[in-house]
Amino acid sequence: FRSDKITVTVQNLAYPGAGAVISATIENKGTINAKLTGITPTDITGNSSAIVISGLDQYATGESIAAGSTCTVQFTVYWDPSVTTLTTSDSNFSFNLELQYEQDTTPVTVTNTHTNS
């Protein structure tokens, strides 16, 4: 198991419902295939109760990233429309995304054969 981090900053979510779609490219710098097993938001700063991060659950299914290859993840960050007042006047948000991944252990199917000459 290994974990890496992406730091995300979203500036000026000016009103309830305002948001952004964010894309990030993950690179497998290893020599074996890796499996992305989850992405967890941490360390949310700003008005953390007003921010919604959606679309990360789709990456908990074990996306395989071949050795030396990349994978693009895309998610949405928005100001929760039901939160009409921020606890501070700052409409900037930042957070980390912890990437969890492990060695891809997809089994290989081998059929043994034997021939006589």
C-alpha atoms as a PDB file:
ATOM      1  CA  PHE A   1       0.000   0.000   0.000  1.00  0.00           C
ATOM      2  CA  ARG A   2       1.261   3.448  -0.868  1.00  0.00           C
ATOM      3  CA  SER A   3      -0.264   6.902  -0.622  1.00  0.00           C
ATOM      4  CA  ASP A   4       0.558  10.163  -2.397  1.00  0.00           C
ATOM      5  CA  LYS A   5      -0.994  13.583  -2.178  1.00  0.00           C
ATOM      6  CA  ILE A   6      -2.387  16.246  -4.506  1.00  0.00           C
ATOM      7  CA  THR A   7      -2.944  19.763  -3.130  1.00  0.00           C
ATOM      8  CA  VAL A   8      -5.934  21.604  -4.601  1.00  0.00           C
ATOM      9  CA  THR A   9      -6.749  25.316  -4.242  1.00  0.00           C
ATOM     10  CA  VAL A  10     -10.006  26.775  -5.534  1.00  0.00           C
ATOM     11  CA  GLN A  11     -10.234  30.545  -5.498  1.00  0.00           C
ATOM     12  CA  ASN A  12     -13.257  32.781  -5.351  1.00  0.00           C
ATOM     13  CA  LEU A  13     -16.243  30.471  -5.126  1.00  0.00           C
ATOM     14  CA  ALA A  14     -18.319  33.630  -4.985  1.00  0.00           C
ATOM     15  CA  TYR A  15     -21.846  32.340  -4.306  1.00  0.00           C
ATOM     16  CA  PRO A  16     -23.768  29.186  -3.271  1.00  0.00           C
ATOM     17  CA  GLY A  17     -23.619  26.686  -6.121  1.00  0.00           C
ATOM     18  CA  ALA A  18     -20.448  28.135  -7.670  1.00  0.00           C
ATOM     19  CA  GLY A  19     -17.918  25.460  -8.519  1.00  0.00           C
ATOM     20  CA  ALA A  20     -15.182  24.102 -10.685  1.00  0.00           C
ATOM     21  CA  VAL A  21     -14.377  20.855 -12.463  1.00  0.00           C
ATOM     22  CA  ILE A  22     -10.793  19.864 -11.761  1.00  0.00           C
ATOM     23  CA  SER A  23      -8.607  17.375 -13.626  1.00  0.00           C
ATOM     24  CA  ALA A  24      -5.331  15.954 -12.353  1.00  0.00           C
ATOM     25  CA  THR A  25      -2.936  13.551 -14.025  1.00  0.00           C
ATOM     26  CA  ILE A  26      -1.479  10.722 -11.962  1.00  0.00           C
ATOM     27  CA  GLU A  27       1.682   9.028 -13.207  1.00  0.00           C
ATOM     28  CA  ASN A  28       2.848   5.542 -12.262  1.00  0.00           C
ATOM     29  CA  LYS A  29       6.614   6.025 -12.074  1.00  0.00           C
ATOM     30  CA  GLY A  30       7.131   2.444 -10.949  1.00  0.00           C
ATOM     31  CA  THR A  31       8.094  -0.640 -12.915  1.00  0.00           C
ATOM     32  CA  ILE A  32       4.957  -2.664 -12.137  1.00  0.00           C
ATOM     33  CA  ASN A  33       1.280  -1.935 -12.651  1.00  0.00           C
ATOM     34  CA  ALA A  34      -0.503  -0.103  -9.854  1.00  0.00           C
ATOM     35  CA  LYS A  35      -4.163  -0.064  -8.870  1.00  0.00           C
ATOM     36  CA  LEU A  36      -5.757   3.163  -7.636  1.00  0.00           C
ATOM     37  CA  THR A  37      -7.969   2.057  -4.735  1.00  0.00           C
ATOM     38  CA  GLY A  38      -9.277   5.379  -3.475  1.00  0.00           C
ATOM     39  CA  ILE A  39      -8.960   9.135  -3.181  1.00  0.00           C
ATOM     40  CA  THR A  40      -9.683  10.800   0.163  1.00  0.00           C
ATOM     41  CA  PRO A  41      -9.992  14.571   0.761  1.00  0.00           C
ATOM     42  CA  THR A  42      -8.087  15.818   3.838  1.00  0.00           C
ATOM     43  CA  ASP A  43      -7.044  19.100   5.450  1.00  0.00           C
ATOM     44  CA  ILE A  44      -9.868  21.230   4.031  1.00  0.00           C
ATOM     45  CA  THR A  45      -9.210  24.904   4.799  1.00  0.00           C
ATOM     46  CA  GLY A  46     -11.491  27.894   4.480  1.00  0.00           C
ATOM     47  CA  ASN A  47     -15.207  27.368   5.023  1.00  0.00           C
ATOM     48  CA  SER A  48     -14.950  23.582   5.119  1.00  0.00           C
ATOM     49  CA  SER A  49     -18.629  23.048   5.950  1.00  0.00           C
ATOM     50  CA  ALA A  50     -19.610  24.874   2.748  1.00  0.00           C
ATOM     51  CA  ILE A  51     -17.476  22.910   0.296  1.00  0.00           C
ATOM     52  CA  VAL A  52     -18.605  19.768  -1.519  1.00  0.00           C
ATOM     53  CA  ILE A  53     -16.141  17.524  -3.364  1.00  0.00           C
ATOM     54  CA  SER A  54     -17.874  15.041  -5.649  1.00  0.00           C
ATOM     55  CA  GLY A  55     -16.862  12.410  -8.168  1.00  0.00           C
ATOM     56  CA  LEU A  56     -14.055  10.794  -6.148  1.00  0.00           C
ATOM     57  CA  ASP A  57     -15.965   7.601  -5.305  1.00  0.00           C
ATOM     58  CA  GLN A  58     -15.608   6.358  -8.892  1.00  0.00           C
ATOM     59  CA  TYR A  59     -11.886   5.864  -8.259  1.00  0.00           C
ATOM     60  CA  ALA A  60     -12.396   3.381  -5.414  1.00  0.00           C
ATOM     61  CA  THR A  61     -13.041   0.562  -7.877  1.00  0.00           C
ATOM     62  CA  GLY A  62      -9.412  -0.221  -8.597  1.00  0.00           C
ATOM     63  CA  GLU A  63      -8.438   1.688 -11.727  1.00  0.00           C
ATOM     64  CA  SER A  64      -5.298   0.036 -13.103  1.00  0.00           C
ATOM     65  CA  ILE A  65      -2.378   2.248 -14.136  1.00  0.00           C
ATOM     66  CA  ALA A  66       0.300   0.469 -16.157  1.00  0.00           C
ATOM     67  CA  ALA A  67       3.950   0.994 -15.245  1.00  0.00           C
ATOM     68  CA  GLY A  68       5.155   4.242 -16.813  1.00  0.00           C
ATOM     69  CA  SER A  69       1.611   5.303 -17.772  1.00  0.00           C
ATOM     70  CA  THR A  70      -0.702   8.059 -16.615  1.00  0.00           C
ATOM     71  CA  CYS A  71      -4.323   8.296 -15.543  1.00  0.00           C
ATOM     72  CA  THR A  72      -6.438  11.458 -15.444  1.00  0.00           C
ATOM     73  CA  VAL A  73      -8.830  11.884 -12.539  1.00  0.00           C
ATOM     74  CA  GLN A  74     -11.624  14.430 -12.709  1.00  0.00           C
ATOM     75  CA  PHE A  75     -13.842  15.693  -9.888  1.00  0.00           C
ATOM     76  CA  THR A  76     -16.045  18.643  -8.986  1.00  0.00           C
ATOM     77  CA  VAL A  77     -15.634  21.145  -6.160  1.00  0.00           C
ATOM     78  CA  TYR A  78     -18.523  23.473  -5.354  1.00  0.00           C
ATOM     79  CA  TRP A  79     -20.038  25.686  -2.692  1.00  0.00           C
ATOM     80  CA  ASP A  80     -22.953  23.736  -1.190  1.00  0.00           C
ATOM     81  CA  PRO A  81     -26.093  25.604  -2.369  1.00  0.00           C
ATOM     82  CA  SER A  82     -27.809  24.937   0.974  1.00  0.00           C
ATOM     83  CA  VAL A  83     -25.092  26.914   2.810  1.00  0.00           C
ATOM     84  CA  THR A  84     -25.999  30.528   2.149  1.00  0.00           C
ATOM     85  CA  THR A  85     -23.602  32.189   4.613  1.00  0.00           C
ATOM     86  CA  LEU A  86     -19.884  31.522   4.999  1.00  0.00           C
ATOM     87  CA  THR A  87     -18.335  31.406   8.470  1.00  0.00           C
ATOM     88  CA  THR A  88     -15.538  33.676   7.224  1.00  0.00           C
ATOM     89  CA  SER A  89     -15.507  36.193   4.405  1.00  0.00           C
ATOM     90  CA  ASP A  90     -12.909  34.196   2.473  1.00  0.00           C
ATOM     91  CA  SER A  91     -14.382  32.340  -0.530  1.00  0.00           C
ATOM     92  CA  ASN A  92     -11.122  30.467  -1.259  1.00  0.00           C
ATOM     93  CA  PHE A  93     -10.779  26.796  -0.384  1.00  0.00           C
ATOM     94  CA  SER A  94      -7.864  24.405  -0.352  1.00  0.00           C
ATOM     95  CA  PHE A  95      -7.525  20.737   0.500  1.00  0.00           C
ATOM     96  CA  ASN A  96      -5.363  17.705  -0.089  1.00  0.00           C
ATOM     97  CA  LEU A  97      -6.347  14.545  -1.902  1.00  0.00           C
ATOM     98  CA  GLU A  98      -4.687  11.430  -0.536  1.00  0.00           C
ATOM     99  CA  LEU A  99      -4.274   8.851  -3.309  1.00  0.00           C
ATOM    100  CA  GLN A 100      -4.338   5.252  -2.169  1.00  0.00           C
ATOM    101  CA  TYR A 101      -2.970   2.628  -4.469  1.00  0.00           C
ATOM    102  CA  GLU A 102      -1.409  -0.822  -4.382  1.00  0.00           C
ATOM    103  CA  GLN A 103       0.304  -3.276  -6.672  1.00  0.00           C
ATOM    104  CA  ASP A 104      -2.057  -4.504  -9.368  1.00  0.00           C
ATOM    105  CA  THR A 105      -2.300  -8.233  -8.725  1.00  0.00           C
ATOM    106  CA  THR A 106      -4.691  -9.115 -11.535  1.00  0.00           C
ATOM    107  CA  PRO A 107      -4.184 -12.853 -12.018  1.00  0.00           C
ATOM    108  CA  VAL A 108      -2.801 -14.158 -15.270  1.00  0.00           C
ATOM    109  CA  THR A 109      -4.605 -17.103 -16.839  1.00  0.00           C
ATOM    110  CA  VAL A 110      -2.198 -19.762 -18.068  1.00  0.00           C
ATOM    111  CA  THR A 111      -3.206 -22.838 -20.024  1.00  0.00           C
ATOM    112  CA  ASN A 112      -0.641 -25.617 -19.850  1.00  0.00           C
ATOM    113  CA  THR A 113      -0.227 -27.681 -22.986  1.00  0.00           C
ATOM    114  CA  HIS A 114       1.996 -30.515 -24.038  1.00  0.00           C
ATOM    115  CA  THR A 115       2.689 -31.889 -27.484  1.00  0.00           C
ATOM    116  CA  ASN A 116       4.661 -34.928 -28.560  1.00  0.00           C
ATOM    117  CA  SER A 117       6.860 -34.829 -31.628  1.00  0.00           C
END
